[in-house]
Amino acid sequence: MSRILIIEDNPDLAYGLRTGLEIEGYDAEVAGDGEKGLARARDWHPHLIILDLMLPGMDGYRVLRTLRDEGLQMPVLILTARGEETDKVLGFRLGADDYVTKPCGVLELLARVAALLRRARQAETGDAGNAVERFGAVEINPAARTVMRGDQPVSLSPKEFDLLLMLVRRRGAVVSRLELLKEVWGYSADVMTRTVDIHIAELRRKLEDDPSKPRHILTVWKAGYRLEA
């Protein structure tokens, strides 16, 4: 049974989330503030965390940063009323795997939870294969989930890594946003194409010499993205 930790200070919302998850067969717990949520994440080791940003005391960004700094890599789904693109960029940059703005339908949220858990299981079992991939000065080791640019390690979030790996394995071919959403995030519909764009921008920032004029991770107008060696 998958364990899901809900870090949310609104008791009514937290109760509704927990009830919905338990009906679906998950083992769900609630923490009402950031410090309690962080402590429970360390002790309980949930398979997934649903995290609010506007929490009393330690806010969600600090919780997420601390989790990743401590090497805790379980998927984190941010669920918040803050819907500005700058908020989303910061969340993804700190290591979030998904970002959902309130209000959100229960069925959509459950679908996203299931997709994140499925992708996490696939990563653990090595379903994607282990051959080392390269383009330009970048080397990707799927087995170790590491990326090197020249002789320097590059820190990528779990979803940035999965996105990069899919692009490099389809090198030369155009991959649409919907394909990327389906394969990397597990979505079967166009739920938030800006998620892909934000992650692409982060990959360019970390891997391209000039992110404003990328040589490898290219945009194909009205079609998607293509990786060139």
C-alpha atoms as a PDB file:
ATOM      1  CA  MET A   1       0.000   0.000   0.000  1.00  0.00           C
ATOM      2  CA  SER A   2       1.439   3.366  -1.040  1.00  0.00           C
ATOM      3  CA  ARG A   3       1.955   5.872   1.779  1.00  0.00           C
ATOM      4  CA  ILE A   4       0.975   9.481   1.062  1.00  0.00           C
ATOM      5  CA  LEU A   5       1.721  12.411   3.348  1.00  0.00           C
ATOM      6  CA  ILE A   6      -0.492  15.503   3.063  1.00  0.00           C
ATOM      7  CA  ILE A   7       1.107  18.691   4.412  1.00  0.00           C
ATOM      8  CA  GLU A   8      -1.823  21.105   4.539  1.00  0.00           C
ATOM      9  CA  ASP A   9      -2.982  23.576   7.195  1.00  0.00           C
ATOM     10  CA  ASN A  10      -6.623  23.769   6.054  1.00  0.00           C
ATOM     11  CA  PRO A  11      -8.281  21.007   8.110  1.00  0.00           C
ATOM     12  CA  ASP A  12     -11.350  20.693   5.870  1.00  0.00           C
ATOM     13  CA  LEU A  13      -9.277  20.360   2.708  1.00  0.00           C
ATOM     14  CA  ALA A  14      -6.841  17.986   4.399  1.00  0.00           C
ATOM     15  CA  TYR A  15      -9.719  15.805   5.603  1.00  0.00           C
ATOM     16  CA  GLY A  16     -11.227  15.685   2.116  1.00  0.00           C
ATOM     17  CA  LEU A  17      -7.894  14.784   0.540  1.00  0.00           C
ATOM     18  CA  ARG A  18      -7.185  12.089   3.090  1.00  0.00           C
ATOM     19  CA  THR A  19     -10.648  10.579   2.694  1.00  0.00           C
ATOM     20  CA  GLY A  20     -10.396  10.525  -1.089  1.00  0.00           C
ATOM     21  CA  LEU A  21      -6.970   8.906  -1.007  1.00  0.00           C
ATOM     22  CA  GLU A  22      -8.021   6.290   1.535  1.00  0.00           C
ATOM     23  CA  ILE A  23     -11.056   5.381  -0.585  1.00  0.00           C
ATOM     24  CA  GLU A  24      -8.605   4.741  -3.444  1.00  0.00           C
ATOM     25  CA  GLY A  25      -6.630   2.372  -1.213  1.00  0.00           C
ATOM     26  CA  TYR A  26      -3.744   4.620  -0.141  1.00  0.00           C
ATOM     27  CA  ASP A  27      -2.401   4.927   3.387  1.00  0.00           C
ATOM     28  CA  ALA A  28      -2.693   8.681   3.974  1.00  0.00           C
ATOM     29  CA  GLU A  29      -1.599  10.900   6.850  1.00  0.00           C
ATOM     30  CA  VAL A  30      -1.925  14.648   7.467  1.00  0.00           C
ATOM     31  CA  ALA A  31       0.526  17.143   8.944  1.00  0.00           C
ATOM     32  CA  GLY A  32      -0.848  20.590   9.712  1.00  0.00           C
ATOM     33  CA  ASP A  33       2.317  22.673   9.308  1.00  0.00           C
ATOM     34  CA  GLY A  34       5.694  22.589   7.611  1.00  0.00           C
ATOM     35  CA  GLU A  35       7.811  21.505  10.567  1.00  0.00           C
ATOM     36  CA  LYS A  36       5.505  18.609  11.467  1.00  0.00           C
ATOM     37  CA  GLY A  37       5.333  17.600   7.818  1.00  0.00           C
ATOM     38  CA  LEU A  38       9.093  17.576   7.445  1.00  0.00           C
ATOM     39  CA  ALA A  39       9.521  15.528  10.617  1.00  0.00           C
ATOM     40  CA  ARG A  40       6.904  13.004   9.467  1.00  0.00           C
ATOM     41  CA  ALA A  41       8.500  12.738   6.033  1.00  0.00           C
ATOM     42  CA  ARG A  42      11.810  11.865   7.668  1.00  0.00           C
ATOM     43  CA  ASP A  43      10.277   9.273   9.996  1.00  0.00           C
ATOM     44  CA  TRP A  44       7.583   7.691   7.828  1.00  0.00           C
ATOM     45  CA  HIS A  45       9.279   7.801   4.402  1.00  0.00           C
ATOM     46  CA  PRO A  46       6.067   8.261   2.377  1.00  0.00           C
ATOM     47  CA  HIS A  47       5.969   7.225  -1.254  1.00  0.00           C
ATOM     48  CA  LEU A  48       4.553  10.642  -2.199  1.00  0.00           C
ATOM     49  CA  ILE A  49       3.955  14.034  -0.561  1.00  0.00           C
ATOM     50  CA  ILE A  50       1.143  16.476  -1.316  1.00  0.00           C
ATOM     51  CA  LEU A  51       2.497  19.845  -0.188  1.00  0.00           C
ATOM     52  CA  ASP A  52       0.821  23.215   0.335  1.00  0.00           C
ATOM     53  CA  LEU A  53       3.051  26.279  -0.037  1.00  0.00           C
ATOM     54  CA  MET A  54       1.363  28.720   2.334  1.00  0.00           C
ATOM     55  CA  LEU A  55       1.948  26.950   5.642  1.00  0.00           C
ATOM     56  CA  PRO A  56       2.372  28.426   9.127  1.00  0.00           C
ATOM     57  CA  GLY A  57       5.955  28.615  10.330  1.00  0.00           C
ATOM     58  CA  MET A  58       8.038  26.806   7.726  1.00  0.00           C
ATOM     59  CA  ASP A  59       6.482  27.390   4.297  1.00  0.00           C
ATOM     60  CA  GLY A  60       6.231  24.766   1.579  1.00  0.00           C
ATOM     61  CA  TYR A  61       9.230  26.027  -0.367  1.00  0.00           C
ATOM     62  CA  ARG A  62      11.478  25.588   2.681  1.00  0.00           C
ATOM     63  CA  VAL A  63      10.039  22.130   3.316  1.00  0.00           C
ATOM     64  CA  LEU A  64      10.744  21.096  -0.284  1.00  0.00           C
ATOM     65  CA  ARG A  65      14.259  22.547  -0.281  1.00  0.00           C
ATOM     66  CA  THR A  66      15.088  20.738   2.971  1.00  0.00           C
ATOM     67  CA  LEU A  67      13.723  17.428   1.681  1.00  0.00           C
ATOM     68  CA  ARG A  68      15.874  17.576  -1.423  1.00  0.00           C
ATOM     69  CA  ASP A  69      18.949  18.829   0.427  1.00  0.00           C
ATOM     70  CA  GLU A  70      18.649  15.811   2.735  1.00  0.00           C
ATOM     71  CA  GLY A  71      18.463  13.433  -0.227  1.00  0.00           C
ATOM     72  CA  LEU A  72      14.790  12.517   0.130  1.00  0.00           C
ATOM     73  CA  GLN A  73      13.629  11.937  -3.446  1.00  0.00           C
ATOM     74  CA  MET A  74      10.015  10.801  -3.099  1.00  0.00           C
ATOM     75  CA  PRO A  75       7.692  12.568  -5.570  1.00  0.00           C
ATOM     76  CA  VAL A  76       6.307  15.878  -4.304  1.00  0.00           C
ATOM     77  CA  LEU A  77       3.071  17.299  -5.679  1.00  0.00           C
ATOM     78  CA  ILE A  78       2.570  20.962  -4.793  1.00  0.00           C
ATOM     79  CA  LEU A  79      -1.089  21.840  -4.202  1.00  0.00           C
ATOM     80  CA  THR A  80      -1.532  25.560  -3.670  1.00  0.00           C
ATOM     81  CA  ALA A  81      -3.578  28.649  -4.417  1.00  0.00           C
ATOM     82  CA  ARG A  82      -0.438  30.348  -5.742  1.00  0.00           C
ATOM     83  CA  GLY A  83      -0.704  30.034  -9.498  1.00  0.00           C
ATOM     84  CA  GLU A  84       1.787  32.542 -10.883  1.00  0.00           C
ATOM     85  CA  GLU A  85       4.389  31.168 -13.287  1.00  0.00           C
ATOM     86  CA  THR A  86       7.189  32.441 -11.043  1.00  0.00           C
ATOM     87  CA  ASP A  87       5.782  30.313  -8.210  1.00  0.00           C
ATOM     88  CA  LYS A  88       5.686  27.259 -10.481  1.00  0.00           C
ATOM     89  CA  VAL A  89       9.231  27.824 -11.744  1.00  0.00           C
ATOM     90  CA  LEU A  90      10.542  28.087  -8.199  1.00  0.00           C
ATOM     91  CA  GLY A  91       8.653  24.965  -7.142  1.00  0.00           C
ATOM     92  CA  PHE A  92      10.032  22.919 -10.022  1.00  0.00           C
ATOM     93  CA  ARG A  93      13.504  24.379  -9.536  1.00  0.00           C
ATOM     94  CA  LEU A  94      13.479  23.215  -5.909  1.00  0.00           C
ATOM     95  CA  GLY A  95      12.549  19.688  -6.974  1.00  0.00           C
ATOM     96  CA  ALA A  96       8.758  19.443  -7.174  1.00  0.00           C
ATOM     97  CA  ASP A  97       7.428  16.765  -9.516  1.00  0.00           C
ATOM     98  CA  ASP A  98       4.044  18.337 -10.181  1.00  0.00           C
ATOM     99  CA  TYR A  99       2.275  21.610  -9.430  1.00  0.00           C
ATOM    100  CA  VAL A 100      -1.500  21.906  -9.059  1.00  0.00           C
ATOM    101  CA  THR A 101      -3.401  25.100  -8.317  1.00  0.00           C
ATOM    102  CA  LYS A 102      -6.455  25.223  -6.084  1.00  0.00           C
ATOM    103  CA  PRO A 103      -9.293  24.621  -6.571  1.00  0.00           C
ATOM    104  CA  CYS A 104      -8.623  21.249  -8.155  1.00  0.00           C
ATOM    105  CA  GLY A 105     -11.046  18.411  -8.869  1.00  0.00           C
ATOM    106  CA  VAL A 106     -10.541  15.277  -6.796  1.00  0.00           C
ATOM    107  CA  LEU A 107     -10.473  13.003  -9.851  1.00  0.00           C
ATOM    108  CA  GLU A 108      -7.742  15.034 -11.523  1.00  0.00           C
ATOM    109  CA  LEU A 109      -5.690  15.081  -8.331  1.00  0.00           C
ATOM    110  CA  LEU A 110      -6.038  11.316  -7.902  1.00  0.00           C
ATOM    111  CA  ALA A 111      -4.962  10.814 -11.529  1.00  0.00           C
ATOM    112  CA  ARG A 112      -1.854  12.910 -10.960  1.00  0.00           C
ATOM    113  CA  VAL A 113      -1.027  11.020  -7.756  1.00  0.00           C
ATOM    114  CA  ALA A 114      -1.348   7.685  -9.563  1.00  0.00           C
ATOM    115  CA  ALA A 115       0.829   8.910 -12.432  1.00  0.00           C
ATOM    116  CA  LEU A 116       3.592  10.132 -10.111  1.00  0.00           C
ATOM    117  CA  LEU A 117       3.611   6.874  -8.162  1.00  0.00           C
ATOM    118  CA  ARG A 118       3.711   4.844 -11.375  1.00  0.00           C
ATOM    119  CA  ARG A 119       6.660   6.821 -12.724  1.00  0.00           C
ATOM    120  CA  ALA A 120       8.493   6.475  -9.411  1.00  0.00           C
ATOM    121  CA  ARG A 121       8.061   2.691  -9.490  1.00  0.00           C
ATOM    122  CA  GLN A 122       9.333   2.532 -13.075  1.00  0.00           C
ATOM    123  CA  ALA A 123      12.409   4.552 -12.132  1.00  0.00           C
ATOM    124  CA  GLU A 124      13.135   2.244  -9.187  1.00  0.00           C
ATOM    125  CA  THR A 125      12.882  -0.920 -11.261  1.00  0.00           C
ATOM    126  CA  GLY A 126      15.007   0.489 -14.096  1.00  0.00           C
ATOM    127  CA  ASP A 127      12.354  -0.033 -16.771  1.00  0.00           C
ATOM    128  CA  ALA A 128      13.878   2.713 -18.913  1.00  0.00           C
ATOM    129  CA  GLY A 129      17.173   0.802 -19.502  1.00  0.00           C
ATOM    130  CA  ASN A 130      20.692   1.552 -18.345  1.00  0.00           C
ATOM    131  CA  ALA A 131      22.802   2.431 -21.400  1.00  0.00           C
ATOM    132  CA  VAL A 132      24.814   5.639 -20.956  1.00  0.00           C
ATOM    133  CA  GLU A 133      23.573   8.410 -23.280  1.00  0.00           C
ATOM    134  CA  ARG A 134      25.571  11.389 -24.582  1.00  0.00           C
ATOM    135  CA  PHE A 135      25.084  14.578 -26.544  1.00  0.00           C
ATOM    136  CA  GLY A 136      27.554  17.422 -26.893  1.00  0.00           C
ATOM    137  CA  ALA A 137      29.500  17.624 -23.626  1.00  0.00           C
ATOM    138  CA  VAL A 138      26.658  16.011 -21.652  1.00  0.00           C
ATOM    139  CA  GLU A 139      26.710  12.431 -20.363  1.00  0.00           C
ATOM    140  CA  ILE A 140      23.628  10.777 -18.832  1.00  0.00           C
ATOM    141  CA  ASN A 141      23.823   7.634 -16.717  1.00  0.00           C
ATOM    142  CA  PRO A 142      20.281   6.224 -16.367  1.00  0.00           C
ATOM    143  CA  ALA A 143      21.272   3.536 -13.866  1.00  0.00           C
ATOM    144  CA  ALA A 144      22.782   6.042 -11.452  1.00  0.00           C
ATOM    145  CA  ARG A 145      20.411   8.843 -12.561  1.00  0.00           C
ATOM    146  CA  THR A 146      23.359  11.223 -12.859  1.00  0.00           C
ATOM    147  CA  VAL A 147      24.254  13.856 -15.435  1.00  0.00           C
ATOM    148  CA  MET A 148      27.712  15.222 -16.179  1.00  0.00           C
ATOM    149  CA  ARG A 149      28.509  18.278 -18.282  1.00  0.00           C
ATOM    150  CA  GLY A 150      32.161  17.918 -19.110  1.00  0.00           C
ATOM    151  CA  ASP A 151      33.752  17.009 -15.793  1.00  0.00           C
ATOM    152  CA  GLN A 152      31.085  18.778 -13.702  1.00  0.00           C
ATOM    153  CA  PRO A 153      28.038  17.046 -12.212  1.00  0.00           C
ATOM    154  CA  VAL A 154      24.674  18.668 -12.997  1.00  0.00           C
ATOM    155  CA  SER A 155      21.884  18.516 -10.433  1.00  0.00           C
ATOM    156  CA  LEU A 156      18.511  17.769 -12.032  1.00  0.00           C
ATOM    157  CA  SER A 157      15.145  17.248 -10.410  1.00  0.00           C
ATOM    158  CA  PRO A 158      13.583  13.788 -10.991  1.00  0.00           C
ATOM    159  CA  LYS A 159      11.252  15.108 -13.681  1.00  0.00           C
ATOM    160  CA  GLU A 160      14.001  17.114 -15.393  1.00  0.00           C
ATOM    161  CA  PHE A 161      16.055  13.918 -15.580  1.00  0.00           C
ATOM    162  CA  ASP A 162      13.161  11.883 -17.017  1.00  0.00           C
ATOM    163  CA  LEU A 163      12.405  14.604 -19.566  1.00  0.00           C
ATOM    164  CA  LEU A 164      16.038  14.842 -20.668  1.00  0.00           C
ATOM    165  CA  LEU A 165      16.317  11.073 -20.976  1.00  0.00           C
ATOM    166  CA  MET A 166      13.231  10.868 -23.176  1.00  0.00           C
ATOM    167  CA  LEU A 167      14.478  13.640 -25.450  1.00  0.00           C
ATOM    168  CA  VAL A 168      17.953  12.146 -25.839  1.00  0.00           C
ATOM    169  CA  ARG A 169      16.514   8.702 -26.624  1.00  0.00           C
ATOM    170  CA  ARG A 170      14.388  10.292 -29.331  1.00  0.00           C
ATOM    171  CA  ARG A 171      17.248  12.480 -30.592  1.00  0.00           C
ATOM    172  CA  GLY A 172      16.585  14.069 -33.937  1.00  0.00           C
ATOM    173  CA  ALA A 173      12.845  13.405 -33.723  1.00  0.00           C
ATOM    174  CA  VAL A 174      10.226  15.962 -32.745  1.00  0.00           C
ATOM    175  CA  VAL A 175       8.430  15.100 -29.495  1.00  0.00           C
ATOM    176  CA  SER A 176       5.187  16.948 -28.833  1.00  0.00           C
ATOM    177  CA  ARG A 177       4.239  18.463 -25.490  1.00  0.00           C
ATOM    178  CA  LEU A 178       1.397  15.955 -25.187  1.00  0.00           C
ATOM    179  CA  GLU A 179       3.785  13.035 -25.734  1.00  0.00           C
ATOM    180  CA  LEU A 180       6.095  14.429 -23.060  1.00  0.00           C
ATOM    181  CA  LEU A 181       3.218  14.922 -20.635  1.00  0.00           C
ATOM    182  CA  LYS A 182       2.059  11.351 -21.214  1.00  0.00           C
ATOM    183  CA  GLU A 183       5.456   9.664 -21.037  1.00  0.00           C
ATOM    184  CA  VAL A 184       7.186  11.752 -18.355  1.00  0.00           C
ATOM    185  CA  TRP A 185       4.254  12.817 -16.190  1.00  0.00           C
ATOM    186  CA  GLY A 186       1.875   9.969 -17.022  1.00  0.00           C
ATOM    187  CA  TYR A 187      -0.993  12.198 -18.145  1.00  0.00           C
ATOM    188  CA  SER A 188      -3.320  11.048 -20.909  1.00  0.00           C
ATOM    189  CA  ALA A 189      -4.623  14.562 -21.660  1.00  0.00           C
ATOM    190  CA  ASP A 190      -3.292  18.091 -22.020  1.00  0.00           C
ATOM    191  CA  VAL A 191      -3.665  19.185 -18.405  1.00  0.00           C
ATOM    192  CA  MET A 192      -0.897  21.784 -18.157  1.00  0.00           C
ATOM    193  CA  THR A 193       1.443  22.222 -21.107  1.00  0.00           C
ATOM    194  CA  ARG A 194       3.360  24.998 -19.326  1.00  0.00           C
ATOM    195  CA  THR A 195       4.758  22.258 -17.071  1.00  0.00           C
ATOM    196  CA  VAL A 196       6.766  20.972 -20.029  1.00  0.00           C
ATOM    197  CA  ASP A 197       7.913  24.446 -21.087  1.00  0.00           C
ATOM    198  CA  ILE A 198       9.113  25.313 -17.581  1.00  0.00           C
ATOM    199  CA  HIS A 199      11.131  22.095 -17.341  1.00  0.00           C
ATOM    200  CA  ILE A 200      12.622  22.625 -20.808  1.00  0.00           C
ATOM    201  CA  ALA A 201      13.711  26.122 -19.758  1.00  0.00           C
ATOM    202  CA  GLU A 202      15.412  24.663 -16.682  1.00  0.00           C
ATOM    203  CA  LEU A 203      17.241  22.024 -18.742  1.00  0.00           C
ATOM    204  CA  ARG A 204      18.513  24.723 -21.097  1.00  0.00           C
ATOM    205  CA  ARG A 205      19.629  26.847 -18.169  1.00  0.00           C
ATOM    206  CA  LYS A 206      21.648  23.962 -16.761  1.00  0.00           C
ATOM    207  CA  LEU A 207      22.966  22.318 -19.928  1.00  0.00           C
ATOM    208  CA  GLU A 208      23.215  24.878 -22.740  1.00  0.00           C
ATOM    209  CA  ASP A 209      26.127  27.324 -23.142  1.00  0.00           C
ATOM    210  CA  ASP A 210      23.622  30.053 -24.015  1.00  0.00           C
ATOM    211  CA  PRO A 211      20.081  29.146 -22.875  1.00  0.00           C
ATOM    212  CA  SER A 212      18.622  31.972 -24.983  1.00  0.00           C
ATOM    213  CA  LYS A 213      20.174  30.409 -28.120  1.00  0.00           C
ATOM    214  CA  PRO A 214      20.117  26.656 -27.440  1.00  0.00           C
ATOM    215  CA  ARG A 215      22.178  24.356 -29.671  1.00  0.00           C
ATOM    216  CA  HIS A 216      20.862  21.018 -28.419  1.00  0.00           C
ATOM    217  CA  ILE A 217      17.403  21.300 -26.838  1.00  0.00           C
ATOM    218  CA  LEU A 218      15.446  22.921 -29.661  1.00  0.00           C
ATOM    219  CA  THR A 219      11.888  24.199 -29.997  1.00  0.00           C
ATOM    220  CA  VAL A 220       9.990  23.112 -33.110  1.00  0.00           C
ATOM    221  CA  TRP A 221       7.312  25.738 -33.626  1.00  0.00           C
ATOM    222  CA  LYS A 222       3.765  24.440 -33.068  1.00  0.00           C
ATOM    223  CA  ALA A 223       5.098  20.887 -32.846  1.00  0.00           C
ATOM    224  CA  GLY A 224       7.167  20.346 -29.679  1.00  0.00           C
ATOM    225  CA  TYR A 225      10.846  19.832 -28.918  1.00  0.00           C
ATOM    226  CA  ARG A 226      13.813  18.080 -30.506  1.00  0.00           C
ATOM    227  CA  LEU A 227      17.249  17.202 -29.160  1.00  0.00           C
ATOM    228  CA  GLU A 228      20.241  17.540 -31.467  1.00  0.00           C
ATOM    229  CA  ALA A 229      23.700  16.239 -30.639  1.00  0.00           C
END
